[in-house]
Amino acid sequence: MPTVGLSALTQRERVVMGELGEDITLEDIAARLWVTRNTVKTQLRSAYRKIGVSTRAEAVAWARAHGL
């Protein structure tokens, strides 16, 4: 797993990653951010690739470890 910091993510990817820790659906995240579910999925896919994770649980753990 690559060791990358928050600077590897765009501001929007950070926002979306920060929302993952709550027990909500991608649709709920999309509604909060006024975007489509597909936009959220695209942003998460990009963030997952950058930080080297493949599951939501791994992404949540990474986000918590990096203060999101």
PDB file of N, CA and C in Angstrom:
ATOM      1  N   MET A   1       0.842  -1.176   0.000  1.00  0.00           N
ATOM      2  CA  MET A   1       0.000   0.000   0.000  1.00  0.00           C
ATOM      3  C   MET A   1       0.886   1.237   0.000  1.00  0.00           C
ATOM      4  N   PRO A   2       0.662   2.164  -0.933  1.00  0.00           N
ATOM      5  CA  PRO A   2       1.477   3.368  -0.963  1.00  0.00           C
ATOM      6  C   PRO A   2       1.290   4.208   0.294  1.00  0.00           C
ATOM      7  N   THR A   3       2.344   4.849   0.726  1.00  0.00           N
ATOM      8  CA  THR A   3       2.244   5.753   1.850  1.00  0.00           C
ATOM      9  C   THR A   3       2.138   7.157   1.286  1.00  0.00           C
ATOM     10  N   VAL A   4       0.921   7.670   1.269  1.00  0.00           N
ATOM     11  CA  VAL A   4       0.690   9.009   0.755  1.00  0.00           C
ATOM     12  C   VAL A   4      -0.073   9.810   1.791  1.00  0.00           C
ATOM     13  N   GLY A   5       0.104  11.099   1.741  1.00  0.00           N
ATOM     14  CA  GLY A   5      -0.598  11.976   2.659  1.00  0.00           C
ATOM     15  C   GLY A   5      -1.801  12.610   2.010  1.00  0.00           C
ATOM     16  N   LEU A   6      -2.440  13.479   2.748  1.00  0.00           N
ATOM     17  CA  LEU A   6      -3.625  14.166   2.254  1.00  0.00           C
ATOM     18  C   LEU A   6      -3.342  14.999   1.012  1.00  0.00           C
ATOM     19  N   SER A   7      -2.109  15.440   0.849  1.00  0.00           N
ATOM     20  CA  SER A   7      -1.788  16.285  -0.305  1.00  0.00           C
ATOM     21  C   SER A   7      -1.954  15.546  -1.628  1.00  0.00           C
ATOM     22  N   ALA A   8      -1.991  14.222  -1.585  1.00  0.00           N
ATOM     23  CA  ALA A   8      -2.178  13.444  -2.812  1.00  0.00           C
ATOM     24  C   ALA A   8      -3.609  13.545  -3.325  1.00  0.00           C
ATOM     25  N   LEU A   9      -4.533  13.923  -2.444  1.00  0.00           N
ATOM     26  CA  LEU A   9      -5.944  13.985  -2.813  1.00  0.00           C
ATOM     27  C   LEU A   9      -6.349  15.416  -3.146  1.00  0.00           C
ATOM     28  N   THR A  10      -7.318  15.532  -4.063  1.00  0.00           N
ATOM     29  CA  THR A  10      -7.879  16.847  -4.338  1.00  0.00           C
ATOM     30  C   THR A  10      -8.752  17.251  -3.156  1.00  0.00           C
ATOM     31  N   GLN A  11      -9.097  18.518  -3.093  1.00  0.00           N
ATOM     32  CA  GLN A  11      -9.963  18.997  -2.016  1.00  0.00           C
ATOM     33  C   GLN A  11     -11.287  18.238  -2.005  1.00  0.00           C
ATOM     34  N   ARG A  12     -11.866  18.027  -3.177  1.00  0.00           N
ATOM     35  CA  ARG A  12     -13.160  17.337  -3.257  1.00  0.00           C
ATOM     36  C   ARG A  12     -13.022  15.877  -2.830  1.00  0.00           C
ATOM     37  N   GLU A  13     -11.927  15.223  -3.202  1.00  0.00           N
ATOM     38  CA  GLU A  13     -11.703  13.841  -2.766  1.00  0.00           C
ATOM     39  C   GLU A  13     -11.604  13.780  -1.245  1.00  0.00           C
ATOM     40  N   ARG A  14     -10.974  14.776  -0.638  1.00  0.00           N
ATOM     41  CA  ARG A  14     -10.890  14.822   0.828  1.00  0.00           C
ATOM     42  C   ARG A  14     -12.270  14.953   1.448  1.00  0.00           C
ATOM     43  N   VAL A  15     -13.105  15.801   0.865  1.00  0.00           N
ATOM     44  CA  VAL A  15     -14.458  15.997   1.383  1.00  0.00           C
ATOM     45  C   VAL A  15     -15.241  14.682   1.312  1.00  0.00           C
ATOM     46  N   VAL A  16     -15.184  14.034   0.161  1.00  0.00           N
ATOM     47  CA  VAL A  16     -15.923  12.777  -0.021  1.00  0.00           C
ATOM     48  C   VAL A  16     -15.381  11.693   0.912  1.00  0.00           C
ATOM     49  N   MET A  17     -14.070  11.600   1.034  1.00  0.00           N
ATOM     50  CA  MET A  17     -13.476  10.612   1.941  1.00  0.00           C
ATOM     51  C   MET A  17     -13.899  10.872   3.385  1.00  0.00           C
ATOM     52  N   GLY A  18     -14.007  12.133   3.759  1.00  0.00           N
ATOM     53  CA  GLY A  18     -14.430  12.483   5.100  1.00  0.00           C
ATOM     54  C   GLY A  18     -15.849  12.046   5.403  1.00  0.00           C
ATOM     55  N   GLU A  19     -16.678  11.964   4.381  1.00  0.00           N
ATOM     56  CA  GLU A  19     -18.068  11.532   4.549  1.00  0.00           C
ATOM     57  C   GLU A  19     -18.198  10.018   4.697  1.00  0.00           C
ATOM     58  N   LEU A  20     -17.198   9.269   4.272  1.00  0.00           N
ATOM     59  CA  LEU A  20     -17.285   7.810   4.292  1.00  0.00           C
ATOM     60  C   LEU A  20     -17.417   7.215   5.688  1.00  0.00           C
ATOM     61  N   GLY A  21     -16.867   7.874   6.681  1.00  0.00           N
ATOM     62  CA  GLY A  21     -16.854   7.320   8.030  1.00  0.00           C
ATOM     63  C   GLY A  21     -18.228   7.177   8.644  1.00  0.00           C
ATOM     64  N   GLU A  22     -19.181   7.936   8.136  1.00  0.00           N
ATOM     65  CA  GLU A  22     -20.536   7.834   8.646  1.00  0.00           C
ATOM     66  C   GLU A  22     -21.227   6.658   7.978  1.00  0.00           C
ATOM     67  N   ASP A  23     -22.224   6.133   8.645  1.00  0.00           N
ATOM     68  CA  ASP A  23     -22.946   4.980   8.113  1.00  0.00           C
ATOM     69  C   ASP A  23     -24.046   5.453   7.173  1.00  0.00           C
ATOM     70  N   ILE A  24     -23.625   5.991   6.020  1.00  0.00           N
ATOM     71  CA  ILE A  24     -24.576   6.490   5.041  1.00  0.00           C
ATOM     72  C   ILE A  24     -24.231   5.932   3.667  1.00  0.00           C
ATOM     73  N   THR A  25     -25.199   5.999   2.785  1.00  0.00           N
ATOM     74  CA  THR A  25     -25.002   5.470   1.436  1.00  0.00           C
ATOM     75  C   THR A  25     -24.326   6.503   0.549  1.00  0.00           C
ATOM     76  N   LEU A  26     -23.871   6.038  -0.601  1.00  0.00           N
ATOM     77  CA  LEU A  26     -23.289   6.957  -1.583  1.00  0.00           C
ATOM     78  C   LEU A  26     -24.339   7.957  -2.057  1.00  0.00           C
ATOM     79  N   GLU A  27     -25.599   7.513  -2.130  1.00  0.00           N
ATOM     80  CA  GLU A  27     -26.679   8.416  -2.512  1.00  0.00           C
ATOM     81  C   GLU A  27     -26.822   9.548  -1.499  1.00  0.00           C
ATOM     82  N   ASP A  28     -26.697   9.212  -0.213  1.00  0.00           N
ATOM     83  CA  ASP A  28     -26.787  10.231   0.839  1.00  0.00           C
ATOM     84  C   ASP A  28     -25.627  11.222   0.745  1.00  0.00           C
ATOM     85  N   ILE A  29     -24.436  10.705   0.494  1.00  0.00           N
ATOM     86  CA  ILE A  29     -23.270  11.579   0.336  1.00  0.00           C
ATOM     87  C   ILE A  29     -23.489  12.502  -0.855  1.00  0.00           C
ATOM     88  N   ALA A  30     -23.962  11.943  -1.957  1.00  0.00           N
ATOM     89  CA  ALA A  30     -24.211  12.733  -3.156  1.00  0.00           C
ATOM     90  C   ALA A  30     -25.227  13.844  -2.875  1.00  0.00           C
ATOM     91  N   ALA A  31     -26.285  13.518  -2.170  1.00  0.00           N
ATOM     92  CA  ALA A  31     -27.307  14.521  -1.859  1.00  0.00           C
ATOM     93  C   ALA A  31     -26.736  15.631  -0.980  1.00  0.00           C
ATOM     94  N   ARG A  32     -25.916  15.276  -0.012  1.00  0.00           N
ATOM     95  CA  ARG A  32     -25.285  16.283   0.858  1.00  0.00           C
ATOM     96  C   ARG A  32     -24.389  17.230   0.080  1.00  0.00           C
ATOM     97  N   LEU A  33     -23.713  16.683  -0.940  1.00  0.00           N
ATOM     98  CA  LEU A  33     -22.740  17.465  -1.697  1.00  0.00           C
ATOM     99  C   LEU A  33     -23.319  18.052  -2.984  1.00  0.00           C
ATOM    100  N   TRP A  34     -24.605  17.813  -3.234  1.00  0.00           N
ATOM    101  CA  TRP A  34     -25.285  18.333  -4.411  1.00  0.00           C
ATOM    102  C   TRP A  34     -24.651  17.853  -5.710  1.00  0.00           C
ATOM    103  N   VAL A  35     -24.302  16.569  -5.754  1.00  0.00           N
ATOM    104  CA  VAL A  35     -23.767  15.945  -6.965  1.00  0.00           C
ATOM    105  C   VAL A  35     -24.486  14.620  -7.164  1.00  0.00           C
ATOM    106  N   THR A  36     -24.197  13.942  -8.269  1.00  0.00           N
ATOM    107  CA  THR A  36     -24.813  12.643  -8.513  1.00  0.00           C
ATOM    108  C   THR A  36     -24.029  11.538  -7.813  1.00  0.00           C
ATOM    109  N   ARG A  37     -24.692  10.400  -7.666  1.00  0.00           N
ATOM    110  CA  ARG A  37     -24.038   9.231  -7.082  1.00  0.00           C
ATOM    111  C   ARG A  37     -22.828   8.838  -7.919  1.00  0.00           C
ATOM    112  N   ASN A  38     -22.947   8.923  -9.234  1.00  0.00           N
ATOM    113  CA  ASN A  38     -21.827   8.570 -10.107  1.00  0.00           C
ATOM    114  C   ASN A  38     -20.635   9.489  -9.905  1.00  0.00           C
ATOM    115  N   THR A  39     -20.882  10.766  -9.634  1.00  0.00           N
ATOM    116  CA  THR A  39     -19.790  11.698  -9.352  1.00  0.00           C
ATOM    117  C   THR A  39     -19.061  11.260  -8.090  1.00  0.00           C
ATOM    118  N   VAL A  40     -19.816  10.905  -7.058  1.00  0.00           N
ATOM    119  CA  VAL A  40     -19.208  10.434  -5.807  1.00  0.00           C
ATOM    120  C   VAL A  40     -18.398   9.172  -6.071  1.00  0.00           C
ATOM    121  N   LYS A  41     -18.952   8.233  -6.828  1.00  0.00           N
ATOM    122  CA  LYS A  41     -18.233   6.993  -7.140  1.00  0.00           C
ATOM    123  C   LYS A  41     -16.929   7.277  -7.876  1.00  0.00           C
ATOM    124  N   THR A  42     -16.969   8.201  -8.824  1.00  0.00           N
ATOM    125  CA  THR A  42     -15.776   8.556  -9.587  1.00  0.00           C
ATOM    126  C   THR A  42     -14.716   9.169  -8.683  1.00  0.00           C
ATOM    127  N   GLN A  43     -15.143  10.080  -7.804  1.00  0.00           N
ATOM    128  CA  GLN A  43     -14.200  10.723  -6.892  1.00  0.00           C
ATOM    129  C   GLN A  43     -13.605   9.705  -5.926  1.00  0.00           C
ATOM    130  N   LEU A  44     -14.411   8.776  -5.452  1.00  0.00           N
ATOM    131  CA  LEU A  44     -13.900   7.750  -4.542  1.00  0.00           C
ATOM    132  C   LEU A  44     -12.939   6.809  -5.257  1.00  0.00           C
ATOM    133  N   ARG A  45     -13.278   6.417  -6.471  1.00  0.00           N
ATOM    134  CA  ARG A  45     -12.401   5.529  -7.234  1.00  0.00           C
ATOM    135  C   ARG A  45     -11.022   6.157  -7.407  1.00  0.00           C
ATOM    136  N   SER A  46     -11.010   7.440  -7.730  1.00  0.00           N
ATOM    137  CA  SER A  46      -9.751   8.160  -7.898  1.00  0.00           C
ATOM    138  C   SER A  46      -8.978   8.217  -6.580  1.00  0.00           C
ATOM    139  N   ALA A  47      -9.674   8.529  -5.504  1.00  0.00           N
ATOM    140  CA  ALA A  47      -9.024   8.602  -4.186  1.00  0.00           C
ATOM    141  C   ALA A  47      -8.500   7.237  -3.768  1.00  0.00           C
ATOM    142  N   TYR A  48      -9.298   6.195  -3.940  1.00  0.00           N
ATOM    143  CA  TYR A  48      -8.872   4.834  -3.570  1.00  0.00           C
ATOM    144  C   TYR A  48      -7.583   4.474  -4.302  1.00  0.00           C
ATOM    145  N   ARG A  49      -7.527   4.785  -5.607  1.00  0.00           N
ATOM    146  CA  ARG A  49      -6.347   4.469  -6.406  1.00  0.00           C
ATOM    147  C   ARG A  49      -5.122   5.217  -5.869  1.00  0.00           C
ATOM    148  N   LYS A  50      -5.297   6.491  -5.543  1.00  0.00           N
ATOM    149  CA  LYS A  50      -4.184   7.305  -5.057  1.00  0.00           C
ATOM    150  C   LYS A  50      -3.642   6.819  -3.718  1.00  0.00           C
ATOM    151  N   ILE A  51      -4.532   6.354  -2.828  1.00  0.00           N
ATOM    152  CA  ILE A  51      -4.082   5.955  -1.496  1.00  0.00           C
ATOM    153  C   ILE A  51      -3.824   4.461  -1.381  1.00  0.00           C
ATOM    154  N   GLY A  52      -4.128   3.714  -2.442  1.00  0.00           N
ATOM    155  CA  GLY A  52      -3.805   2.296  -2.469  1.00  0.00           C
ATOM    156  C   GLY A  52      -4.734   1.398  -1.679  1.00  0.00           C
ATOM    157  N   VAL A  53      -6.031   1.723  -1.685  1.00  0.00           N
ATOM    158  CA  VAL A  53      -7.004   0.859  -1.009  1.00  0.00           C
ATOM    159  C   VAL A  53      -8.023   0.380  -2.024  1.00  0.00           C
ATOM    160  N   SER A  54      -8.778  -0.654  -1.649  1.00  0.00           N
ATOM    161  CA  SER A  54      -9.783  -1.168  -2.585  1.00  0.00           C
ATOM    162  C   SER A  54     -11.158  -1.333  -1.959  1.00  0.00           C
ATOM    163  N   THR A  55     -11.289  -1.119  -0.665  1.00  0.00           N
ATOM    164  CA  THR A  55     -12.593  -1.255  -0.030  1.00  0.00           C
ATOM    165  C   THR A  55     -12.932  -0.006   0.779  1.00  0.00           C
ATOM    166  N   ARG A  56     -14.206   0.141   1.057  1.00  0.00           N
ATOM    167  CA  ARG A  56     -14.650   1.280   1.862  1.00  0.00           C
ATOM    168  C   ARG A  56     -14.048   1.213   3.263  1.00  0.00           C
ATOM    169  N   ALA A  57     -13.986   0.010   3.832  1.00  0.00           N
ATOM    170  CA  ALA A  57     -13.421  -0.141   5.179  1.00  0.00           C
ATOM    171  C   ALA A  57     -11.960   0.303   5.214  1.00  0.00           C
ATOM    172  N   GLU A  58     -11.190  -0.074   4.206  1.00  0.00           N
ATOM    173  CA  GLU A  58      -9.790   0.362   4.131  1.00  0.00           C
ATOM    174  C   GLU A  58      -9.701   1.873   3.973  1.00  0.00           C
ATOM    175  N   ALA A  59     -10.590   2.440   3.164  1.00  0.00           N
ATOM    176  CA  ALA A  59     -10.581   3.886   2.948  1.00  0.00           C
ATOM    177  C   ALA A  59     -10.943   4.629   4.222  1.00  0.00           C
ATOM    178  N   VAL A  60     -11.914   4.108   4.971  1.00  0.00           N
ATOM    179  CA  VAL A  60     -12.296   4.732   6.240  1.00  0.00           C
ATOM    180  C   VAL A  60     -11.122   4.695   7.228  1.00  0.00           C
ATOM    181  N   ALA A  61     -10.461   3.546   7.293  1.00  0.00           N
ATOM    182  CA  ALA A  61      -9.299   3.426   8.200  1.00  0.00           C
ATOM    183  C   ALA A  61      -8.206   4.404   7.800  1.00  0.00           C
ATOM    184  N   TRP A  62      -7.946   4.533   6.494  1.00  0.00           N
ATOM    185  CA  TRP A  62      -6.943   5.475   6.013  1.00  0.00           C
ATOM    186  C   TRP A  62      -7.330   6.906   6.358  1.00  0.00           C
ATOM    187  N   ALA A  63      -8.597   7.228   6.114  1.00  0.00           N
ATOM    188  CA  ALA A  63      -9.071   8.593   6.400  1.00  0.00           C
ATOM    189  C   ALA A  63      -8.941   8.927   7.884  1.00  0.00           C
ATOM    190  N   ARG A  64      -9.296   8.004   8.745  1.00  0.00           N
ATOM    191  CA  ARG A  64      -9.190   8.242  10.180  1.00  0.00           C
ATOM    192  C   ARG A  64      -7.720   8.409  10.595  1.00  0.00           C
ATOM    193  N   ALA A  65      -6.850   7.601  10.018  1.00  0.00           N
ATOM    194  CA  ALA A  65      -5.427   7.679  10.337  1.00  0.00           C
ATOM    195  C   ALA A  65      -4.824   9.007   9.884  1.00  0.00           C
ATOM    196  N   HIS A  66      -5.467   9.644   8.885  1.00  0.00           N
ATOM    197  CA  HIS A  66      -4.958  10.904   8.348  1.00  0.00           C
ATOM    198  C   HIS A  66      -5.806  12.108   8.753  1.00  0.00           C
ATOM    199  N   GLY A  67      -6.635  11.914   9.766  1.00  0.00           N
ATOM    200  CA  GLY A  67      -7.379  13.032  10.326  1.00  0.00           C
ATOM    201  C   GLY A  67      -8.580  13.544   9.547  1.00  0.00           C
ATOM    202  N   LEU A  68      -9.129  12.706   8.688  1.00  0.00           N
ATOM    203  CA  LEU A  68     -10.331  13.129   7.952  1.00  0.00           C
ATOM    204  C   LEU A  68     -11.584  12.730   8.699  1.00  0.00           C
TER     205      LEU A  68
END
